[in-house]
Amino acid sequence: RGLDAPRFGPMKPVGLIDPNTNHRPWACV
């Protein structure tokens, strides 16, 4: 449906901080 569709669905990164980067990931499983 579109490149960003999963990133705004089950792969959304909101509410998460990657301890390896101290930033929110671009996407997350």
All heavy atoms as atom14 arrays in JSON, in Angstrom:
{
  "sequence": "RGLDAPRFGPMKPVGLIDPNTNHRPWACV",
  "atom14_mask": [
    [1, 1, 1, 1, 1, 1, 1, 1, 1, 1, 1, 0, 0, 0],
    [1, 1, 1, 1, 0, 0, 0, 0, 0, 0, 0, 0, 0, 0],
    [1, 1, 1, 1, 1, 1, 1, 1, 0, 0, 0, 0, 0, 0],
    [1, 1, 1, 1, 1, 1, 1, 1, 0, 0, 0, 0, 0, 0],
    [1, 1, 1, 1, 1, 0, 0, 0, 0, 0, 0, 0, 0, 0],
    [1, 1, 1, 1, 1, 1, 1, 0, 0, 0, 0, 0, 0, 0],
    [1, 1, 1, 1, 1, 1, 1, 1, 1, 1, 1, 0, 0, 0],
    [1, 1, 1, 1, 1, 1, 1, 1, 1, 1, 1, 0, 0, 0],
    [1, 1, 1, 1, 0, 0, 0, 0, 0, 0, 0, 0, 0, 0],
    [1, 1, 1, 1, 1, 1, 1, 0, 0, 0, 0, 0, 0, 0],
    [1, 1, 1, 1, 1, 1, 1, 1, 0, 0, 0, 0, 0, 0],
    [1, 1, 1, 1, 1, 1, 1, 1, 1, 0, 0, 0, 0, 0],
    [1, 1, 1, 1, 1, 1, 1, 0, 0, 0, 0, 0, 0, 0],
    [1, 1, 1, 1, 1, 1, 1, 0, 0, 0, 0, 0, 0, 0],
    [1, 1, 1, 1, 0, 0, 0, 0, 0, 0, 0, 0, 0, 0],
    [1, 1, 1, 1, 1, 1, 1, 1, 0, 0, 0, 0, 0, 0],
    [1, 1, 1, 1, 1, 1, 1, 1, 0, 0, 0, 0, 0, 0],
    [1, 1, 1, 1, 1, 1, 1, 1, 0, 0, 0, 0, 0, 0],
    [1, 1, 1, 1, 1, 1, 1, 0, 0, 0, 0, 0, 0, 0],
    [1, 1, 1, 1, 1, 1, 1, 1, 0, 0, 0, 0, 0, 0],
    [1, 1, 1, 1, 1, 1, 1, 0, 0, 0, 0, 0, 0, 0],
    [1, 1, 1, 1, 1, 1, 1, 1, 0, 0, 0, 0, 0, 0],
    [1, 1, 1, 1, 1, 1, 1, 1, 1, 1, 0, 0, 0, 0],
    [1, 1, 1, 1, 1, 1, 1, 1, 1, 1, 1, 0, 0, 0],
    [1, 1, 1, 1, 1, 1, 1, 0, 0, 0, 0, 0, 0, 0],
    [1, 1, 1, 1, 1, 1, 1, 1, 1, 1, 1, 1, 1, 1],
    [1, 1, 1, 1, 1, 0, 0, 0, 0, 0, 0, 0, 0, 0],
    [1, 1, 1, 1, 1, 1, 0, 0, 0, 0, 0, 0, 0, 0],
    [1, 1, 1, 1, 1, 1, 1, 0, 0, 0, 0, 0, 0, 0]
  ],
  "atom14_positions": [
    [[0.81, -1.21, 0.0], [0.0, 0.0, 0.0], [0.84, 1.26, 0.0], [0.33, 2.36, -0.2], [-0.94, 0.0, 1.22], [-2.03, -1.04, 1.12], [-3.07, -0.87, 2.22], [-4.24, -1.7, 1.98], [-5.31, -1.72, 2.74], [-5.37, -0.95, 3.82], [-6.33, -2.5, 2.44], [0.0, 0.0, 0.0], [0.0, 0.0, 0.0], [0.0, 0.0, 0.0]],
    [[2.12, 1.09, 0.28], [3.01, 2.25, 0.29], [4.2, 2.0, 1.16], [4.13, 1.25, 2.15], [0.0, 0.0, 0.0], [0.0, 0.0, 0.0], [0.0, 0.0, 0.0], [0.0, 0.0, 0.0], [0.0, 0.0, 0.0], [0.0, 0.0, 0.0], [0.0, 0.0, 0.0], [0.0, 0.0, 0.0], [0.0, 0.0, 0.0], [0.0, 0.0, 0.0]],
    [[5.3, 2.63, 0.82], [6.55, 2.4, 1.53], [6.43, 2.63, 3.03], [7.0, 1.87, 3.83], [7.64, 3.32, 0.95], [9.02, 3.25, 1.59], [9.62, 1.85, 1.42], [9.95, 4.31, 1.0], [0.0, 0.0, 0.0], [0.0, 0.0, 0.0], [0.0, 0.0, 0.0], [0.0, 0.0, 0.0], [0.0, 0.0, 0.0], [0.0, 0.0, 0.0]],
    [[5.69, 3.65, 3.43], [5.61, 3.98, 4.86], [4.44, 3.32, 5.58], [4.3, 3.5, 6.8], [5.51, 5.5, 5.03], [6.84, 6.19, 4.78], [7.89, 5.58, 5.06], [6.83, 7.34, 4.29], [0.0, 0.0, 0.0], [0.0, 0.0, 0.0], [0.0, 0.0, 0.0], [0.0, 0.0, 0.0], [0.0, 0.0, 0.0], [0.0, 0.0, 0.0]],
    [[3.61, 2.57, 4.87], [2.42, 1.98, 5.5], [2.77, 1.12, 6.71], [2.18, 1.3, 7.79], [1.61, 1.19, 4.48], [0.0, 0.0, 0.0], [0.0, 0.0, 0.0], [0.0, 0.0, 0.0], [0.0, 0.0, 0.0], [0.0, 0.0, 0.0], [0.0, 0.0, 0.0], [0.0, 0.0, 0.0], [0.0, 0.0, 0.0], [0.0, 0.0, 0.0]],
    [[3.73, 0.17, 6.62], [4.06, -0.62, 7.82], [4.66, 0.22, 8.94], [4.49, -0.08, 10.12], [5.09, -1.64, 7.29], [4.81, -1.74, 5.82], [4.43, -0.34, 5.43], [0.0, 0.0, 0.0], [0.0, 0.0, 0.0], [0.0, 0.0, 0.0], [0.0, 0.0, 0.0], [0.0, 0.0, 0.0], [0.0, 0.0, 0.0], [0.0, 0.0, 0.0]],
    [[5.37, 1.33, 8.57], [6.04, 2.17, 9.56], [5.03, 2.97, 10.38], [5.35, 3.44, 11.49], [7.01, 3.11, 8.85], [8.08, 3.7, 9.76], [9.21, 4.29, 8.95], [8.81, 5.5, 8.25], [8.88, 6.72, 8.78], [9.33, 6.88, 10.01], [8.52, 7.77, 8.08], [0.0, 0.0, 0.0], [0.0, 0.0, 0.0], [0.0, 0.0, 0.0]],
    [[3.83, 3.1, 9.85], [2.76, 3.75, 10.6], [1.75, 2.72, 11.11], [0.69, 3.08, 11.61], [2.06, 4.8, 9.73], [2.89, 6.03, 9.54], [3.76, 6.13, 8.47], [2.83, 7.08, 10.45], [4.55, 7.26, 8.28], [3.62, 8.21, 10.28], [4.48, 8.3, 9.19], [0.0, 0.0, 0.0], [0.0, 0.0, 0.0], [0.0, 0.0, 0.0]],
    [[2.1, 1.44, 10.95], [1.28, 0.34, 11.44], [2.05, -0.49, 12.44], [2.55, 0.05, 13.45], [0.0, 0.0, 0.0], [0.0, 0.0, 0.0], [0.0, 0.0, 0.0], [0.0, 0.0, 0.0], [0.0, 0.0, 0.0], [0.0, 0.0, 0.0], [0.0, 0.0, 0.0], [0.0, 0.0, 0.0], [0.0, 0.0, 0.0], [0.0, 0.0, 0.0]],
    [[2.2, -1.79, 12.2], [2.86, -2.66, 13.19], [4.35, -2.37, 13.39], [4.92, -2.79, 14.39], [2.66, -4.06, 12.62], [2.42, -3.87, 11.16], [1.68, -2.57, 11.06], [0.0, 0.0, 0.0], [0.0, 0.0, 0.0], [0.0, 0.0, 0.0], [0.0, 0.0, 0.0], [0.0, 0.0, 0.0], [0.0, 0.0, 0.0], [0.0, 0.0, 0.0]],
    [[4.97, -1.64, 12.45], [6.4, -1.33, 12.58], [6.64, 0.09, 13.08], [7.74, 0.62, 12.96], [7.11, -1.55, 11.24], [7.09, -2.99, 10.77], [7.93, -3.25, 9.18], [9.65, -2.96, 9.67], [0.0, 0.0, 0.0], [0.0, 0.0, 0.0], [0.0, 0.0, 0.0], [0.0, 0.0, 0.0], [0.0, 0.0, 0.0], [0.0, 0.0, 0.0]],
    [[5.64, 0.69, 13.69], [5.8, 2.06, 14.18], [6.84, 2.1, 15.3], [6.87, 1.24, 16.18], [4.47, 2.64, 14.65], [3.8, 1.91, 15.78], [2.47, 2.57, 16.12], [1.74, 1.84, 17.24], [1.22, 0.51, 16.79], [0.0, 0.0, 0.0], [0.0, 0.0, 0.0], [0.0, 0.0, 0.0], [0.0, 0.0, 0.0], [0.0, 0.0, 0.0]],
    [[7.71, 3.12, 15.31], [8.77, 3.21, 16.31], [8.43, 4.08, 17.51], [9.25, 4.24, 18.41], [9.91, 3.84, 15.51], [9.2, 4.75, 14.55], [7.88, 4.09, 14.21], [0.0, 0.0, 0.0], [0.0, 0.0, 0.0], [0.0, 0.0, 0.0], [0.0, 0.0, 0.0], [0.0, 0.0, 0.0], [0.0, 0.0, 0.0], [0.0, 0.0, 0.0]],
    [[7.23, 4.64, 17.54], [6.9, 5.61, 18.59], [6.97, 4.98, 19.97], [6.64, 3.82, 20.17], [5.49, 6.21, 18.37], [5.45, 7.01, 17.07], [4.43, 5.12, 18.35], [0.0, 0.0, 0.0], [0.0, 0.0, 0.0], [0.0, 0.0, 0.0], [0.0, 0.0, 0.0], [0.0, 0.0, 0.0], [0.0, 0.0, 0.0], [0.0, 0.0, 0.0]],
    [[7.43, 5.78, 20.94], [7.51, 5.33, 22.32], [8.71, 4.45, 22.61], [8.78, 3.85, 23.69], [0.0, 0.0, 0.0], [0.0, 0.0, 0.0], [0.0, 0.0, 0.0], [0.0, 0.0, 0.0], [0.0, 0.0, 0.0], [0.0, 0.0, 0.0], [0.0, 0.0, 0.0], [0.0, 0.0, 0.0], [0.0, 0.0, 0.0], [0.0, 0.0, 0.0]],
    [[9.66, 4.36, 21.66], [10.81, 3.49, 21.84], [12.11, 4.27, 21.59], [12.18, 5.08, 20.68], [10.75, 2.3, 20.87], [9.58, 1.33, 21.06], [9.49, 0.38, 19.87], [9.73, 0.55, 22.37], [0.0, 0.0, 0.0], [0.0, 0.0, 0.0], [0.0, 0.0, 0.0], [0.0, 0.0, 0.0], [0.0, 0.0, 0.0], [0.0, 0.0, 0.0]],
    [[13.1, 4.01, 22.39], [14.44, 4.59, 22.22], [15.45, 3.45, 22.12], [15.53, 2.59, 23.0], [14.82, 5.53, 23.38], [13.84, 6.7, 23.47], [16.25, 6.03, 23.22], [13.85, 7.63, 22.26], [0.0, 0.0, 0.0], [0.0, 0.0, 0.0], [0.0, 0.0, 0.0], [0.0, 0.0, 0.0], [0.0, 0.0, 0.0], [0.0, 0.0, 0.0]],
    [[16.21, 3.44, 21.03], [17.23, 2.43, 20.84], [18.43, 2.77, 21.73], [19.06, 3.81, 21.54], [17.65, 2.39, 19.36], [18.69, 1.32, 19.06], [19.18, 0.68, 20.0], [19.0, 1.14, 17.86], [0.0, 0.0, 0.0], [0.0, 0.0, 0.0], [0.0, 0.0, 0.0], [0.0, 0.0, 0.0], [0.0, 0.0, 0.0], [0.0, 0.0, 0.0]],
    [[18.77, 1.92, 22.71], [19.89, 2.26, 23.61], [21.24, 2.3, 22.9], [22.19, 2.89, 23.43], [19.85, 1.13, 24.65], [19.14, 0.0, 23.97], [18.13, 0.64, 23.06], [0.0, 0.0, 0.0], [0.0, 0.0, 0.0], [0.0, 0.0, 0.0], [0.0, 0.0, 0.0], [0.0, 0.0, 0.0], [0.0, 0.0, 0.0], [0.0, 0.0, 0.0]],
    [[21.32, 1.72, 21.71], [22.59, 1.76, 20.97], [22.83, 3.11, 20.3], [23.97, 3.46, 19.99], [22.6, 0.66, 19.91], [22.72, -0.73, 20.51], [23.48, -0.94, 21.46], [21.97, -1.68, 19.98], [0.0, 0.0, 0.0], [0.0, 0.0, 0.0], [0.0, 0.0, 0.0], [0.0, 0.0, 0.0], [0.0, 0.0, 0.0], [0.0, 0.0, 0.0]],
    [[21.73, 3.85, 20.06], [21.86, 5.15, 19.4], [21.34, 6.3, 20.25], [21.6, 7.47, 19.95], [21.09, 5.15, 18.06], [19.69, 4.99, 18.33], [21.57, 4.02, 17.16], [0.0, 0.0, 0.0], [0.0, 0.0, 0.0], [0.0, 0.0, 0.0], [0.0, 0.0, 0.0], [0.0, 0.0, 0.0], [0.0, 0.0, 0.0], [0.0, 0.0, 0.0]],
    [[20.52, 5.96, 21.27], [19.83, 6.95, 22.1], [18.84, 7.78, 21.3], [18.51, 8.92, 21.69], [20.84, 7.87, 22.82], [21.6, 7.14, 23.91], [21.02, 6.31, 24.61], [22.88, 7.44, 24.04], [0.0, 0.0, 0.0], [0.0, 0.0, 0.0], [0.0, 0.0, 0.0], [0.0, 0.0, 0.0], [0.0, 0.0, 0.0], [0.0, 0.0, 0.0]],
    [[18.39, 7.23, 20.17], [17.39, 7.9, 19.35], [16.24, 6.94, 19.03], [16.38, 5.71, 19.14], [18.0, 8.4, 18.03], [19.03, 9.47, 18.2], [18.73, 10.75, 18.62], [20.38, 9.45, 18.02], [19.83, 11.47, 18.69], [20.85, 10.71, 18.33], [0.0, 0.0, 0.0], [0.0, 0.0, 0.0], [0.0, 0.0, 0.0], [0.0, 0.0, 0.0]],
    [[15.14, 7.52, 18.62], [14.03, 6.69, 18.17], [14.4, 6.06, 16.83], [14.93, 6.76, 15.94], [12.77, 7.55, 18.01], [11.51, 6.71, 17.72], [10.27, 7.58, 17.66], [10.17, 8.28, 16.38], [9.14, 9.04, 16.04], [8.14, 9.23, 16.91], [9.11, 9.64, 14.87], [0.0, 0.0, 0.0], [0.0, 0.0, 0.0], [0.0, 0.0, 0.0]],
    [[14.14, 4.75, 16.64], [14.46, 4.12, 15.35], [13.59, 4.68, 14.23], [12.53, 5.28, 14.47], [14.15, 2.63, 15.6], [14.03, 2.48, 17.08], [13.58, 3.8, 17.6], [0.0, 0.0, 0.0], [0.0, 0.0, 0.0], [0.0, 0.0, 0.0], [0.0, 0.0, 0.0], [0.0, 0.0, 0.0], [0.0, 0.0, 0.0], [0.0, 0.0, 0.0]],
    [[14.03, 4.44, 13.0], [13.21, 4.82, 11.84], [11.96, 3.95, 11.78], [10.88, 4.41, 11.44], [14.04, 4.67, 10.56], [13.32, 5.11, 9.32], [12.76, 4.31, 8.36], [13.05, 6.45, 8.9], [12.17, 5.05, 7.37], [12.34, 6.38, 7.68], [13.37, 7.7, 9.44], [11.93, 7.52, 6.98], [12.95, 8.84, 8.75], [12.24, 8.74, 7.54]],
    [[12.11, 2.69, 12.11], [11.01, 1.73, 12.19], [11.43, 0.65, 13.16], [12.61, 0.55, 13.53], [10.69, 1.14, 10.82], [0.0, 0.0, 0.0], [0.0, 0.0, 0.0], [0.0, 0.0, 0.0], [0.0, 0.0, 0.0], [0.0, 0.0, 0.0], [0.0, 0.0, 0.0], [0.0, 0.0, 0.0], [0.0, 0.0, 0.0], [0.0, 0.0, 0.0]],
    [[10.48, -0.15, 13.6], [10.81, -1.16, 14.6], [9.85, -2.34, 14.52], [8.63, -2.14, 14.34], [10.76, -0.55, 16.0], [11.43, -1.63, 17.28], [0.0, 0.0, 0.0], [0.0, 0.0, 0.0], [0.0, 0.0, 0.0], [0.0, 0.0, 0.0], [0.0, 0.0, 0.0], [0.0, 0.0, 0.0], [0.0, 0.0, 0.0], [0.0, 0.0, 0.0]],
    [[10.37, -3.55, 14.62], [9.53, -4.74, 14.77], [9.56, -5.14, 16.23], [10.64, -5.31, 16.82], [10.05, -5.92, 13.9], [9.28, -7.2, 14.22], [9.91, -5.58, 12.43], [0.0, 0.0, 0.0], [0.0, 0.0, 0.0], [0.0, 0.0, 0.0], [0.0, 0.0, 0.0], [0.0, 0.0, 0.0], [0.0, 0.0, 0.0], [0.0, 0.0, 0.0]]
  ]
}
